[in-house]
Amino acid sequence: MNFNHAELLTIKDYIRWGASRFAEAELSFSHGMASAIDEAAYLVLHTLFMPVDTPDLYFDSRLTIVEREAVADILQQRVETRKPAAYLTNEGWLCGLPFYVDERVLVPRSPIAEYIEKQFAPWIEANDVNSILDLCTGSGCIGIACAYAFPHARVDLSDISANALEVAQANIERHNLIGQAEAIQSDLFEGLRGRKYDIIVSNPPYVDADDMAALTPEFLHEPADLALASGNDGLDHTRRILREAAEHLTDHGILVVEVGNSQYALQADYPDVLFHWLEFERGGDGVFLLTAEQVRELAAY
């Protein structure tokens, strides 16, 4: 992407230029950004050390030559590498909270965030929540957001990947949650024997074989084998969770699991189970909730 720096002067110029280059390259935006303009604006502002909510009046500000080169470089990286913006900035967001991320973990983007902010009402009383498990935690974003929503609860962040847990631990420290949140290596529930929780929330691998084959290059930078793929129908991990969760829920507990497009395969596989499919005001689907009673009935299914 060769160009003359003299032709682009302002923040607005670089956002427009970046968005045009992104559209020209047919990039995909499925990692927290809604459009080419949104992603270009985020990358430009981040590179300039400016907040994402910078007022528009600053967009006509002229950049120094050093700033122009830095902004052009990160926009060019986005096109040439096809890495999601979060991997270029090492920053992802969930529930309005920033998290360190890199290619050891998924980019935060779960619709479950909306229910964390609601403290999972009306499904559970916030004052009754003393323990939470973020199963398949990755960066730790869901569990750490839960720690903010339930400040008196103990939160376990578990993952099979030691690499992912290094990222989760870094985020625990970033958010000053040592003592409240703990990163635990576990293959689903295997390393959690004897532990029970009022809330088990999970964004496990759930992408089926057909969808894996159709992923855009941006997704290929994520840890596919440990965080995306889950068998032919996308339910290998979810079936295990449904079989094993009963032993780890308190009597009034809830299980919340994101399964994305595998929702339909799950409903076909468990036709007699009344999954509560959560509805989202800000967009999203494919997240179910079961009460502890339902989970125990299902374990005997």
C-alpha atoms as a PDB file:
ATOM      1  CA  MET A   1       0.000   0.000   0.000  1.00  0.00           C
ATOM      2  CA  ASN A   2       2.342   2.725  -1.224  1.00  0.00           C
ATOM      3  CA  PHE A   3       1.174   6.312  -0.883  1.00  0.00           C
ATOM      4  CA  ASN A   4       2.410   9.817  -0.279  1.00  0.00           C
ATOM      5  CA  HIS A   5       2.147  10.826   3.383  1.00  0.00           C
ATOM      6  CA  ALA A   6       1.566  14.412   2.268  1.00  0.00           C
ATOM      7  CA  GLU A   7      -1.826  13.366   0.881  1.00  0.00           C
ATOM      8  CA  LEU A   8      -3.135  12.272   4.295  1.00  0.00           C
ATOM      9  CA  LEU A   9      -2.957  14.784   7.111  1.00  0.00           C
ATOM     10  CA  THR A  10      -5.639  14.294   9.744  1.00  0.00           C
ATOM     11  CA  ILE A  11      -7.045  11.556  11.961  1.00  0.00           C
ATOM     12  CA  LYS A  12     -10.155  11.625   9.792  1.00  0.00           C
ATOM     13  CA  ASP A  13      -8.033  11.155   6.645  1.00  0.00           C
ATOM     14  CA  TYR A  14      -6.423   8.003   8.028  1.00  0.00           C
ATOM     15  CA  ILE A  15      -9.679   6.514   9.273  1.00  0.00           C
ATOM     16  CA  ARG A  16     -11.224   7.006   5.836  1.00  0.00           C
ATOM     17  CA  TRP A  17      -8.124   5.701   4.048  1.00  0.00           C
ATOM     18  CA  GLY A  18      -7.857   2.667   6.321  1.00  0.00           C
ATOM     19  CA  ALA A  19     -11.541   1.805   5.917  1.00  0.00           C
ATOM     20  CA  SER A  20     -11.206   2.036   2.152  1.00  0.00           C
ATOM     21  CA  ARG A  21      -8.183  -0.267   2.137  1.00  0.00           C
ATOM     22  CA  PHE A  22      -9.990  -2.745   4.407  1.00  0.00           C
ATOM     23  CA  ALA A  23     -13.002  -2.820   2.095  1.00  0.00           C
ATOM     24  CA  GLU A  24     -10.765  -3.172  -0.945  1.00  0.00           C
ATOM     25  CA  ALA A  25      -9.004  -6.163   0.650  1.00  0.00           C
ATOM     26  CA  GLU A  26     -12.377  -7.698   1.635  1.00  0.00           C
ATOM     27  CA  LEU A  27     -11.403  -8.142   5.267  1.00  0.00           C
ATOM     28  CA  SER A  28     -13.928  -9.689   7.643  1.00  0.00           C
ATOM     29  CA  PHE A  29     -15.020  -8.071  10.897  1.00  0.00           C
ATOM     30  CA  SER A  30     -16.270 -10.738  13.299  1.00  0.00           C
ATOM     31  CA  HIS A  31     -14.044 -10.058  16.282  1.00  0.00           C
ATOM     32  CA  GLY A  32     -15.853  -7.247  18.048  1.00  0.00           C
ATOM     33  CA  MET A  33     -15.929  -4.651  15.286  1.00  0.00           C
ATOM     34  CA  ALA A  34     -19.036  -3.973  13.227  1.00  0.00           C
ATOM     35  CA  SER A  35     -17.497  -2.462  10.099  1.00  0.00           C
ATOM     36  CA  ALA A  36     -14.359  -1.374   8.279  1.00  0.00           C
ATOM     37  CA  ILE A  37     -14.816   2.193   9.532  1.00  0.00           C
ATOM     38  CA  ASP A  38     -15.158   1.070  13.165  1.00  0.00           C
ATOM     39  CA  GLU A  39     -12.012  -1.035  12.956  1.00  0.00           C
ATOM     40  CA  ALA A  40      -9.999   1.639  11.169  1.00  0.00           C
ATOM     41  CA  ALA A  41     -11.051   4.209  13.779  1.00  0.00           C
ATOM     42  CA  TYR A  42     -10.098   1.861  16.621  1.00  0.00           C
ATOM     43  CA  LEU A  43      -6.655   1.113  15.159  1.00  0.00           C
ATOM     44  CA  VAL A  44      -5.907   4.765  14.391  1.00  0.00           C
ATOM     45  CA  LEU A  45      -6.942   6.012  17.830  1.00  0.00           C
ATOM     46  CA  HIS A  46      -5.156   3.191  19.653  1.00  0.00           C
ATOM     47  CA  THR A  47      -1.930   3.901  17.780  1.00  0.00           C
ATOM     48  CA  LEU A  48      -2.204   7.582  18.721  1.00  0.00           C
ATOM     49  CA  PHE A  49      -2.769   6.656  22.403  1.00  0.00           C
ATOM     50  CA  MET A  50      -6.210   8.240  22.274  1.00  0.00           C
ATOM     51  CA  PRO A  51      -9.366   6.730  23.857  1.00  0.00           C
ATOM     52  CA  VAL A  52     -11.925   5.041  21.632  1.00  0.00           C
ATOM     53  CA  ASP A  53     -14.542   7.581  22.710  1.00  0.00           C
ATOM     54  CA  THR A  54     -12.455  10.571  21.573  1.00  0.00           C
ATOM     55  CA  PRO A  55     -14.868  13.380  20.503  1.00  0.00           C
ATOM     56  CA  ASP A  56     -15.227  13.873  16.758  1.00  0.00           C
ATOM     57  CA  LEU A  57     -13.926  17.433  17.011  1.00  0.00           C
ATOM     58  CA  TYR A  58     -10.393  16.033  17.365  1.00  0.00           C
ATOM     59  CA  PHE A  59     -10.635  14.082  14.120  1.00  0.00           C
ATOM     60  CA  ASP A  60      -9.521  17.093  12.115  1.00  0.00           C
ATOM     61  CA  SER A  61      -6.261  17.248  14.072  1.00  0.00           C
ATOM     62  CA  ARG A  62      -3.161  16.944  11.898  1.00  0.00           C
ATOM     63  CA  LEU A  63      -0.652  14.183  12.614  1.00  0.00           C
ATOM     64  CA  THR A  64       3.116  14.482  12.782  1.00  0.00           C
ATOM     65  CA  ILE A  65       5.102  12.517  10.223  1.00  0.00           C
ATOM     66  CA  VAL A  66       6.079   9.992  12.926  1.00  0.00           C
ATOM     67  CA  GLU A  67       2.420   9.518  13.844  1.00  0.00           C
ATOM     68  CA  ARG A  68       1.422   9.143  10.198  1.00  0.00           C
ATOM     69  CA  GLU A  69       4.011   6.422   9.668  1.00  0.00           C
ATOM     70  CA  ALA A  70       2.897   4.523  12.802  1.00  0.00           C
ATOM     71  CA  VAL A  71      -0.786   4.724  11.853  1.00  0.00           C
ATOM     72  CA  ALA A  72      -0.134   3.693   8.263  1.00  0.00           C
ATOM     73  CA  ASP A  73       1.963   0.766   9.472  1.00  0.00           C
ATOM     74  CA  ILE A  74      -0.725  -0.758  11.708  1.00  0.00           C
ATOM     75  CA  LEU A  75      -3.406  -0.292   9.044  1.00  0.00           C
ATOM     76  CA  GLN A  76      -1.118  -1.989   6.534  1.00  0.00           C
ATOM     77  CA  GLN A  77      -0.469  -4.854   8.975  1.00  0.00           C
ATOM     78  CA  ARG A  78      -4.223  -5.415   9.265  1.00  0.00           C
ATOM     79  CA  VAL A  79      -4.515  -5.862   5.493  1.00  0.00           C
ATOM     80  CA  GLU A  80      -1.359  -7.893   4.927  1.00  0.00           C
ATOM     81  CA  THR A  81      -1.582 -10.268   7.897  1.00  0.00           C
ATOM     82  CA  ARG A  82      -5.399 -10.505   8.167  1.00  0.00           C
ATOM     83  CA  LYS A  83      -4.943 -10.585  11.941  1.00  0.00           C
ATOM     84  CA  PRO A  84      -7.922  -9.312  13.953  1.00  0.00           C
ATOM     85  CA  ALA A  85      -7.306  -5.839  15.336  1.00  0.00           C
ATOM     86  CA  ALA A  86      -7.150  -7.177  18.893  1.00  0.00           C
ATOM     87  CA  TYR A  87      -4.023  -9.188  18.064  1.00  0.00           C
ATOM     88  CA  LEU A  88      -2.341  -6.134  16.560  1.00  0.00           C
ATOM     89  CA  THR A  89      -3.020  -4.021  19.646  1.00  0.00           C
ATOM     90  CA  ASN A  90      -2.928  -6.862  22.228  1.00  0.00           C
ATOM     91  CA  GLU A  91      -6.200  -5.530  23.566  1.00  0.00           C
ATOM     92  CA  GLY A  92      -9.741  -6.914  23.673  1.00  0.00           C
ATOM     93  CA  TRP A  93     -12.848  -5.674  25.456  1.00  0.00           C
ATOM     94  CA  LEU A  94     -15.771  -7.309  27.246  1.00  0.00           C
ATOM     95  CA  CYS A  95     -18.345  -5.644  29.526  1.00  0.00           C
ATOM     96  CA  GLY A  96     -16.486  -2.374  29.008  1.00  0.00           C
ATOM     97  CA  LEU A  97     -13.324  -3.887  30.503  1.00  0.00           C
ATOM     98  CA  PRO A  98      -9.945  -4.107  28.715  1.00  0.00           C
ATOM     99  CA  PHE A  99      -8.051  -7.398  28.494  1.00  0.00           C
ATOM    100  CA  TYR A 100      -4.619  -8.366  27.257  1.00  0.00           C
ATOM    101  CA  VAL A 101      -4.976 -10.815  24.351  1.00  0.00           C
ATOM    102  CA  ASP A 102      -2.699 -12.498  21.855  1.00  0.00           C
ATOM    103  CA  GLU A 103      -2.884 -15.521  19.565  1.00  0.00           C
ATOM    104  CA  ARG A 104      -2.878 -17.940  22.502  1.00  0.00           C
ATOM    105  CA  VAL A 105      -6.537 -17.067  23.179  1.00  0.00           C
ATOM    106  CA  LEU A 106      -9.744 -16.118  21.398  1.00  0.00           C
ATOM    107  CA  VAL A 107     -10.565 -12.470  20.892  1.00  0.00           C
ATOM    108  CA  PRO A 108     -13.255 -11.522  23.487  1.00  0.00           C
ATOM    109  CA  ARG A 109     -16.678 -11.151  21.845  1.00  0.00           C
ATOM    110  CA  SER A 110     -19.296 -13.246  23.669  1.00  0.00           C
ATOM    111  CA  PRO A 111     -22.909 -12.025  23.904  1.00  0.00           C
ATOM    112  CA  ILE A 112     -22.903 -13.513  27.419  1.00  0.00           C
ATOM    113  CA  ALA A 113     -21.475 -10.134  28.462  1.00  0.00           C
ATOM    114  CA  GLU A 114     -24.982  -8.690  28.403  1.00  0.00           C
ATOM    115  CA  TYR A 115     -26.173 -11.146  31.066  1.00  0.00           C
ATOM    116  CA  ILE A 116     -23.066 -10.704  33.186  1.00  0.00           C
ATOM    117  CA  GLU A 117     -23.931  -7.010  33.373  1.00  0.00           C
ATOM    118  CA  LYS A 118     -27.459  -8.012  34.478  1.00  0.00           C
ATOM    119  CA  GLN A 119     -25.978 -10.392  37.091  1.00  0.00           C
ATOM    120  CA  PHE A 120     -27.864 -13.165  35.250  1.00  0.00           C
ATOM    121  CA  ALA A 121     -31.190 -11.825  36.498  1.00  0.00           C
ATOM    122  CA  PRO A 122     -33.859 -13.097  36.781  1.00  0.00           C
ATOM    123  CA  TRP A 123     -32.297 -16.559  36.836  1.00  0.00           C
ATOM    124  CA  ILE A 124     -30.386 -16.192  40.076  1.00  0.00           C
ATOM    125  CA  GLU A 125     -30.242 -13.871  43.085  1.00  0.00           C
ATOM    126  CA  ALA A 126     -26.988 -11.927  43.075  1.00  0.00           C
ATOM    127  CA  ASN A 127     -26.724 -12.063  46.874  1.00  0.00           C
ATOM    128  CA  ASP A 128     -26.794 -15.873  46.723  1.00  0.00           C
ATOM    129  CA  VAL A 129     -23.756 -16.109  44.438  1.00  0.00           C
ATOM    130  CA  ASN A 130     -20.594 -17.091  46.286  1.00  0.00           C
ATOM    131  CA  SER A 131     -18.737 -19.119  43.653  1.00  0.00           C
ATOM    132  CA  ILE A 132     -18.429 -18.887  39.864  1.00  0.00           C
ATOM    133  CA  LEU A 133     -16.647 -21.023  37.287  1.00  0.00           C
ATOM    134  CA  ASP A 134     -15.589 -19.696  33.893  1.00  0.00           C
ATOM    135  CA  LEU A 135     -15.063 -22.989  32.051  1.00  0.00           C
ATOM    136  CA  CYS A 136     -12.807 -22.818  28.952  1.00  0.00           C
ATOM    137  CA  THR A 137     -11.768 -19.357  30.077  1.00  0.00           C
ATOM    138  CA  GLY A 138      -9.191 -18.420  27.421  1.00  0.00           C
ATOM    139  CA  SER A 139      -8.154 -14.852  28.229  1.00  0.00           C
ATOM    140  CA  GLY A 140     -10.228 -14.939  31.422  1.00  0.00           C
ATOM    141  CA  CYS A 141     -12.495 -12.157  30.179  1.00  0.00           C
ATOM    142  CA  ILE A 142     -15.820 -13.796  31.096  1.00  0.00           C
ATOM    143  CA  GLY A 143     -14.711 -14.860  34.564  1.00  0.00           C
ATOM    144  CA  ILE A 144     -13.056 -11.530  35.322  1.00  0.00           C
ATOM    145  CA  ALA A 145     -16.170  -9.651  34.182  1.00  0.00           C
ATOM    146  CA  CYS A 146     -18.142 -11.912  36.557  1.00  0.00           C
ATOM    147  CA  ALA A 147     -15.768 -10.973  39.375  1.00  0.00           C
ATOM    148  CA  TYR A 148     -16.692  -7.328  38.828  1.00  0.00           C
ATOM    149  CA  ALA A 149     -20.417  -8.154  38.681  1.00  0.00           C
ATOM    150  CA  PHE A 150     -20.239 -10.338  41.823  1.00  0.00           C
ATOM    151  CA  PRO A 151     -17.463  -8.757  43.912  1.00  0.00           C
ATOM    152  CA  HIS A 152     -18.037 -11.074  46.883  1.00  0.00           C
ATOM    153  CA  ALA A 153     -17.845 -14.291  44.848  1.00  0.00           C
ATOM    154  CA  ARG A 154     -14.844 -16.571  44.355  1.00  0.00           C
ATOM    155  CA  VAL A 155     -14.161 -17.044  40.638  1.00  0.00           C
ATOM    156  CA  ASP A 156     -12.269 -19.965  39.073  1.00  0.00           C
ATOM    157  CA  LEU A 157     -10.924 -19.539  35.547  1.00  0.00           C
ATOM    158  CA  SER A 158     -10.235 -22.965  34.057  1.00  0.00           C
ATOM    159  CA  ASP A 159      -8.795 -24.036  30.729  1.00  0.00           C
ATOM    160  CA  ILE A 160      -6.997 -27.048  29.302  1.00  0.00           C
ATOM    161  CA  SER A 161      -4.401 -24.785  27.665  1.00  0.00           C
ATOM    162  CA  ALA A 162      -1.417 -23.758  29.786  1.00  0.00           C
ATOM    163  CA  ASN A 163      -0.713 -21.010  27.256  1.00  0.00           C
ATOM    164  CA  ALA A 164      -4.213 -19.602  27.635  1.00  0.00           C
ATOM    165  CA  LEU A 165      -3.907 -19.679  31.410  1.00  0.00           C
ATOM    166  CA  GLU A 166      -0.781 -17.531  31.209  1.00  0.00           C
ATOM    167  CA  VAL A 167      -2.906 -14.891  29.507  1.00  0.00           C
ATOM    168  CA  ALA A 168      -5.732 -15.344  32.022  1.00  0.00           C
ATOM    169  CA  GLN A 169      -3.283 -14.951  34.916  1.00  0.00           C
ATOM    170  CA  ALA A 170      -1.916 -11.762  33.375  1.00  0.00           C
ATOM    171  CA  ASN A 171      -5.453 -10.405  33.215  1.00  0.00           C
ATOM    172  CA  ILE A 172      -6.184 -11.437  36.807  1.00  0.00           C
ATOM    173  CA  GLU A 173      -3.167  -9.381  37.845  1.00  0.00           C
ATOM    174  CA  ARG A 174      -4.091  -6.510  35.528  1.00  0.00           C
ATOM    175  CA  HIS A 175      -7.482  -6.227  37.219  1.00  0.00           C
ATOM    176  CA  ASN A 176      -6.087  -6.652  40.757  1.00  0.00           C
ATOM    177  CA  LEU A 177      -8.143  -9.793  41.377  1.00  0.00           C
ATOM    178  CA  ILE A 178      -5.506 -11.995  43.014  1.00  0.00           C
ATOM    179  CA  GLY A 179      -7.264 -13.572  45.975  1.00  0.00           C
ATOM    180  CA  GLN A 180     -10.689 -13.462  44.321  1.00  0.00           C
ATOM    181  CA  ALA A 181      -9.945 -15.143  40.980  1.00  0.00           C
ATOM    182  CA  GLU A 182      -7.785 -18.210  40.350  1.00  0.00           C
ATOM    183  CA  ALA A 183      -6.535 -19.697  37.083  1.00  0.00           C
ATOM    184  CA  ILE A 184      -6.730 -23.516  37.070  1.00  0.00           C
ATOM    185  CA  GLN A 185      -5.568 -25.950  34.389  1.00  0.00           C
ATOM    186  CA  SER A 186      -8.317 -28.481  33.763  1.00  0.00           C
ATOM    187  CA  ASP A 187      -9.697 -30.568  30.916  1.00  0.00           C
ATOM    188  CA  LEU A 188     -13.270 -29.363  31.424  1.00  0.00           C
ATOM    189  CA  PHE A 189     -14.188 -30.613  34.934  1.00  0.00           C
ATOM    190  CA  GLU A 190     -11.365 -33.139  35.443  1.00  0.00           C
ATOM    191  CA  GLY A 191      -9.197 -30.819  37.510  1.00  0.00           C
ATOM    192  CA  LEU A 192     -12.117 -29.380  39.482  1.00  0.00           C
ATOM    193  CA  ARG A 193     -13.191 -32.398  41.510  1.00  0.00           C
ATOM    194  CA  GLY A 194     -14.969 -31.480  44.727  1.00  0.00           C
ATOM    195  CA  ARG A 195     -15.596 -27.878  43.671  1.00  0.00           C
ATOM    196  CA  LYS A 196     -19.170 -26.587  43.367  1.00  0.00           C
ATOM    197  CA  TYR A 197     -20.422 -23.354  41.907  1.00  0.00           C
ATOM    198  CA  ASP A 198     -23.501 -21.150  41.958  1.00  0.00           C
ATOM    199  CA  ILE A 199     -22.809 -20.151  38.347  1.00  0.00           C
ATOM    200  CA  ILE A 200     -20.992 -22.154  35.712  1.00  0.00           C
ATOM    201  CA  VAL A 201     -20.565 -20.094  32.560  1.00  0.00           C
ATOM    202  CA  SER A 202     -18.751 -21.342  29.494  1.00  0.00           C
ATOM    203  CA  ASN A 203     -17.839 -20.299  25.975  1.00  0.00           C
ATOM    204  CA  PRO A 204     -16.368 -23.674  24.926  1.00  0.00           C
ATOM    205  CA  PRO A 205     -15.243 -24.706  21.447  1.00  0.00           C
ATOM    206  CA  TYR A 206     -18.435 -25.146  19.410  1.00  0.00           C
ATOM    207  CA  VAL A 207     -17.639 -24.670  15.709  1.00  0.00           C
ATOM    208  CA  ASP A 208     -18.762 -27.597  13.554  1.00  0.00           C
ATOM    209  CA  ALA A 209     -16.756 -29.106  10.691  1.00  0.00           C
ATOM    210  CA  ASP A 210     -18.626 -27.249   7.926  1.00  0.00           C
ATOM    211  CA  ASP A 211     -18.180 -23.876   9.607  1.00  0.00           C
ATOM    212  CA  MET A 212     -14.517 -24.603  10.359  1.00  0.00           C
ATOM    213  CA  ALA A 213     -13.936 -25.197   6.658  1.00  0.00           C
ATOM    214  CA  ALA A 214     -15.555 -21.846   5.830  1.00  0.00           C
ATOM    215  CA  LEU A 215     -13.703 -19.644   8.341  1.00  0.00           C
ATOM    216  CA  THR A 216     -12.171 -16.439   7.005  1.00  0.00           C
ATOM    217  CA  PRO A 217      -8.406 -15.862   7.394  1.00  0.00           C
ATOM    218  CA  GLU A 218      -8.991 -13.708  10.489  1.00  0.00           C
ATOM    219  CA  PHE A 219     -10.268 -16.739  12.419  1.00  0.00           C
ATOM    220  CA  LEU A 220      -7.273 -18.832  11.418  1.00  0.00           C
ATOM    221  CA  HIS A 221      -5.078 -16.746  13.733  1.00  0.00           C
ATOM    222  CA  GLU A 222      -7.071 -18.017  16.720  1.00  0.00           C
ATOM    223  CA  PRO A 223      -6.184 -21.327  18.460  1.00  0.00           C
ATOM    224  CA  ALA A 224      -8.526 -23.490  16.394  1.00  0.00           C
ATOM    225  CA  ASP A 225      -7.897 -26.919  17.932  1.00  0.00           C
ATOM    226  CA  LEU A 226      -8.261 -25.741  21.523  1.00  0.00           C
ATOM    227  CA  ALA A 227     -10.802 -22.921  21.218  1.00  0.00           C
ATOM    228  CA  LEU A 228     -12.915 -23.270  18.073  1.00  0.00           C
ATOM    229  CA  ALA A 229     -13.324 -26.792  16.677  1.00  0.00           C
ATOM    230  CA  SER A 230     -15.559 -29.282  18.489  1.00  0.00           C
ATOM    231  CA  GLY A 231     -16.180 -32.254  16.254  1.00  0.00           C
ATOM    232  CA  ASN A 232     -18.397 -32.790  13.257  1.00  0.00           C
ATOM    233  CA  ASP A 233     -21.504 -31.148  14.742  1.00  0.00           C
ATOM    234  CA  GLY A 234     -19.745 -28.715  17.082  1.00  0.00           C
ATOM    235  CA  LEU A 235     -20.997 -30.411  20.244  1.00  0.00           C
ATOM    236  CA  ASP A 236     -18.141 -32.621  21.472  1.00  0.00           C
ATOM    237  CA  HIS A 237     -17.320 -30.281  24.357  1.00  0.00           C
ATOM    238  CA  THR A 238     -20.903 -29.323  25.120  1.00  0.00           C
ATOM    239  CA  ARG A 239     -21.998 -32.944  25.518  1.00  0.00           C
ATOM    240  CA  ARG A 240     -19.270 -33.486  28.108  1.00  0.00           C
ATOM    241  CA  ILE A 241     -20.284 -30.331  29.946  1.00  0.00           C
ATOM    242  CA  LEU A 242     -23.907 -31.485  30.077  1.00  0.00           C
ATOM    243  CA  ARG A 243     -22.871 -34.916  31.377  1.00  0.00           C
ATOM    244  CA  GLU A 244     -20.530 -33.645  34.064  1.00  0.00           C
ATOM    245  CA  ALA A 245     -21.869 -30.269  35.249  1.00  0.00           C
ATOM    246  CA  ALA A 246     -24.390 -31.713  37.737  1.00  0.00           C
ATOM    247  CA  GLU A 247     -21.632 -32.674  40.167  1.00  0.00           C
ATOM    248  CA  HIS A 248     -20.333 -29.110  40.210  1.00  0.00           C
ATOM    249  CA  LEU A 249     -23.499 -27.027  40.637  1.00  0.00           C
ATOM    250  CA  THR A 250     -24.990 -25.954  43.954  1.00  0.00           C
ATOM    251  CA  ASP A 251     -28.688 -26.647  44.486  1.00  0.00           C
ATOM    252  CA  HIS A 252     -29.725 -23.185  43.302  1.00  0.00           C
ATOM    253  CA  GLY A 253     -27.015 -22.912  40.636  1.00  0.00           C
ATOM    254  CA  ILE A 254     -27.246 -22.230  36.906  1.00  0.00           C
ATOM    255  CA  LEU A 255     -25.315 -23.404  33.851  1.00  0.00           C
ATOM    256  CA  VAL A 256     -24.828 -20.934  30.984  1.00  0.00           C
ATOM    257  CA  VAL A 257     -23.170 -22.153  27.776  1.00  0.00           C
ATOM    258  CA  GLU A 258     -22.581 -20.540  24.404  1.00  0.00           C
ATOM    259  CA  VAL A 259     -22.937 -22.900  21.433  1.00  0.00           C
ATOM    260  CA  GLY A 260     -23.447 -20.487  18.528  1.00  0.00           C
ATOM    261  CA  ASN A 261     -24.690 -22.063  15.309  1.00  0.00           C
ATOM    262  CA  SER A 262     -24.523 -25.506  16.938  1.00  0.00           C
ATOM    263  CA  GLN A 263     -27.739 -24.572  18.760  1.00  0.00           C
ATOM    264  CA  TYR A 264     -29.793 -26.430  16.175  1.00  0.00           C
ATOM    265  CA  ALA A 265     -27.736 -29.614  16.383  1.00  0.00           C
ATOM    266  CA  LEU A 266     -28.033 -29.448  20.185  1.00  0.00           C
ATOM    267  CA  GLN A 267     -31.813 -29.117  20.074  1.00  0.00           C
ATOM    268  CA  ALA A 268     -32.016 -32.064  17.677  1.00  0.00           C
ATOM    269  CA  ASP A 269     -29.741 -34.136  19.908  1.00  0.00           C
ATOM    270  CA  TYR A 270     -31.713 -33.369  23.096  1.00  0.00           C
ATOM    271  CA  PRO A 271     -35.322 -32.980  21.881  1.00  0.00           C
ATOM    272  CA  ASP A 272     -36.838 -33.440  25.356  1.00  0.00           C
ATOM    273  CA  VAL A 273     -34.707 -30.826  27.112  1.00  0.00           C
ATOM    274  CA  LEU A 274     -36.295 -27.401  27.633  1.00  0.00           C
ATOM    275  CA  PHE A 275     -33.232 -25.244  27.068  1.00  0.00           C
ATOM    276  CA  HIS A 276     -33.719 -21.596  28.016  1.00  0.00           C
ATOM    277  CA  TRP A 277     -32.301 -19.787  24.971  1.00  0.00           C
ATOM    278  CA  LEU A 278     -31.269 -16.337  26.126  1.00  0.00           C
ATOM    279  CA  GLU A 279     -32.403 -13.280  24.192  1.00  0.00           C
ATOM    280  CA  PHE A 280     -30.070 -10.343  23.678  1.00  0.00           C
ATOM    281  CA  GLU A 281     -30.913  -6.678  23.271  1.00  0.00           C
ATOM    282  CA  ARG A 282     -27.523  -5.922  21.704  1.00  0.00           C
ATOM    283  CA  GLY A 283     -27.481  -8.852  19.279  1.00  0.00           C
ATOM    284  CA  GLY A 284     -26.362 -12.449  19.553  1.00  0.00           C
ATOM    285  CA  ASP A 285     -27.858 -15.888  19.965  1.00  0.00           C
ATOM    286  CA  GLY A 286     -26.921 -19.509  20.604  1.00  0.00           C
ATOM    287  CA  VAL A 287     -26.556 -19.238  24.393  1.00  0.00           C
ATOM    288  CA  PHE A 288     -28.574 -21.549  26.642  1.00  0.00           C
ATOM    289  CA  LEU A 289     -29.247 -21.565  30.365  1.00  0.00           C
ATOM    290  CA  LEU A 290     -30.226 -24.554  32.508  1.00  0.00           C
ATOM    291  CA  THR A 291     -31.041 -24.639  36.215  1.00  0.00           C
ATOM    292  CA  ALA A 292     -29.272 -27.067  38.528  1.00  0.00           C
ATOM    293  CA  GLU A 293     -32.436 -29.160  38.656  1.00  0.00           C
ATOM    294  CA  GLN A 294     -32.535 -29.402  34.867  1.00  0.00           C
ATOM    295  CA  VAL A 295     -28.859 -30.297  34.706  1.00  0.00           C
ATOM    296  CA  ARG A 296     -29.331 -33.118  37.215  1.00  0.00           C
ATOM    297  CA  GLU A 297     -32.313 -34.440  35.278  1.00  0.00           C
ATOM    298  CA  LEU A 298     -30.256 -34.287  32.103  1.00  0.00           C
ATOM    299  CA  ALA A 299     -27.336 -36.159  33.695  1.00  0.00           C
ATOM    300  CA  ALA A 300     -29.711 -39.079  34.215  1.00  0.00           C
ATOM    301  CA  TYR A 301     -31.109 -38.720  30.684  1.00  0.00           C
END
